[in-house]
Amino acid sequence: MQDDKKWYTISEAAKYLGVSPDTLRRWEKAGKISAPKRTAGGARRYSKELLDEILGEGKEEKISQPKKKAQAPAKKTSFLIGLIVLIITLAILLPILFFLF
């Protein structure tokens, strides 16, 4: 009996999910996703149902990750801004103080 499902190659599946093929391999190895179907030659084939399941599971993770990543650069940015303000202030005040004393 023939399987009428559409099966995606790893490259097509990666493109559909917006990740690299290596990411799909790592997720499979780590057990984060269920193993795809394999061809006789061992190539991975992903069903649309599996890809949609992966997308559904990843929504919460994708939403929470940018918040964590955004916090670190904000701290670096505020530090750099403070440092720049300090340097500019010193560049203005030091000549004035030197001239006065």
Protein backbone atom coordinates (compact mmCIF):
# COMPACT_ATOMS: atom_id res chain seq x y z
CA MET A 1 0.00 0.00 0.00
CA GLN A 2 1.38 3.40 -1.01
CA ASP A 3 1.80 6.23 1.49
CA ASP A 4 0.02 9.32 0.10
CA LYS A 5 1.64 11.73 2.58
CA LYS A 6 4.02 14.40 1.36
CA TRP A 7 7.49 13.70 2.72
CA TYR A 8 10.11 16.42 3.01
CA THR A 9 13.88 16.00 2.72
CA ILE A 10 15.98 17.34 5.58
CA SER A 11 16.79 20.47 3.55
CA GLU A 12 13.12 21.10 2.74
CA ALA A 13 12.12 20.45 6.37
CA ALA A 14 14.82 22.79 7.66
CA LYS A 15 13.68 25.53 5.30
CA TYR A 16 10.05 24.99 6.36
CA LEU A 17 11.03 25.32 10.04
CA GLY A 18 13.48 28.18 9.51
CA VAL A 19 16.49 26.29 10.88
CA SER A 20 19.52 24.58 9.38
CA PRO A 21 19.65 20.87 8.51
CA ASP A 22 22.37 20.50 11.16
CA THR A 23 19.96 21.86 13.76
CA LEU A 24 17.42 19.18 12.85
CA ARG A 25 20.11 16.51 13.21
CA ARG A 26 21.14 17.87 16.62
CA TRP A 27 17.52 18.02 17.82
CA GLU A 28 16.99 14.42 16.73
CA LYS A 29 20.22 13.26 18.41
CA ALA A 30 19.31 15.09 21.63
CA GLY A 31 15.80 13.58 21.61
CA LYS A 32 14.12 16.99 21.31
CA ILE A 33 12.11 15.79 18.29
CA SER A 34 10.84 12.38 17.32
CA ALA A 35 12.90 10.55 14.75
CA PRO A 36 11.83 11.09 11.16
CA LYS A 37 11.11 8.28 8.73
CA ARG A 38 14.20 6.88 6.97
CA THR A 39 14.51 5.82 3.35
CA ALA A 40 16.15 2.51 2.41
CA GLY A 41 19.38 4.44 1.96
CA GLY A 42 19.10 6.04 5.42
CA ALA A 43 18.06 9.54 4.33
CA ARG A 44 15.66 11.35 6.66
CA ARG A 45 12.12 12.15 5.52
CA TYR A 46 9.82 14.40 7.51
CA SER A 47 6.02 14.44 7.30
CA LYS A 48 4.13 17.73 7.38
CA GLU A 49 2.45 16.56 10.59
CA LEU A 50 5.85 16.06 12.26
CA LEU A 51 7.05 19.47 11.08
CA ASP A 52 3.88 21.16 12.35
CA GLU A 53 4.31 19.33 15.67
CA ILE A 54 7.88 20.64 15.90
CA LEU A 55 6.68 24.17 15.12
CA GLY A 56 3.98 23.90 17.79
CA GLU A 57 6.46 22.73 20.44
CA GLY A 58 8.99 25.40 19.49
CA LYS A 59 6.65 28.38 19.81
CA GLU A 60 7.09 28.74 23.56
CA GLU A 61 10.85 28.22 23.31
CA LYS A 62 11.26 30.74 20.47
CA ILE A 63 9.25 33.35 22.37
CA SER A 64 11.18 32.97 25.62
CA GLN A 65 14.70 32.83 24.15
CA PRO A 66 14.86 36.33 22.65
CA LYS A 67 13.99 37.86 26.03
CA LYS A 68 17.02 36.20 27.60
CA LYS A 69 19.29 37.21 24.74
CA ALA A 70 18.01 40.79 24.76
CA GLN A 71 18.91 41.30 28.42
CA ALA A 72 22.66 40.72 28.05
CA PRO A 73 23.24 43.24 25.23
CA ALA A 74 21.12 45.83 27.07
CA LYS A 75 23.50 45.64 30.03
CA LYS A 76 26.50 45.99 27.74
CA THR A 77 24.87 48.88 25.91
CA SER A 78 24.06 50.79 29.10
CA PHE A 79 27.61 50.22 30.36
CA LEU A 80 29.06 51.54 27.10
CA ILE A 81 26.79 54.57 27.15
CA GLY A 82 27.85 55.35 30.73
CA LEU A 83 31.50 54.98 29.79
CA ILE A 84 31.11 57.30 26.80
CA VAL A 85 29.32 59.90 28.92
CA LEU A 86 32.13 59.71 31.51
CA ILE A 87 34.83 60.17 28.87
CA ILE A 88 33.04 63.13 27.30
CA THR A 89 32.50 64.72 30.71
CA LEU A 90 36.16 64.31 31.61
CA ALA A 91 37.22 65.66 28.21
CA ILE A 92 35.20 68.81 28.89
CA LEU A 93 35.95 69.28 32.59
CA LEU A 94 39.68 68.48 32.72
CA PRO A 95 40.76 71.36 30.45
CA ILE A 96 38.50 73.75 32.39
CA LEU A 97 39.91 72.59 35.73
CA PHE A 98 43.47 72.77 34.38
CA PHE A 99 42.87 76.32 33.17
CA LEU A 100 41.33 77.44 36.49
CA PHE A 101 44.14 76.03 38.66
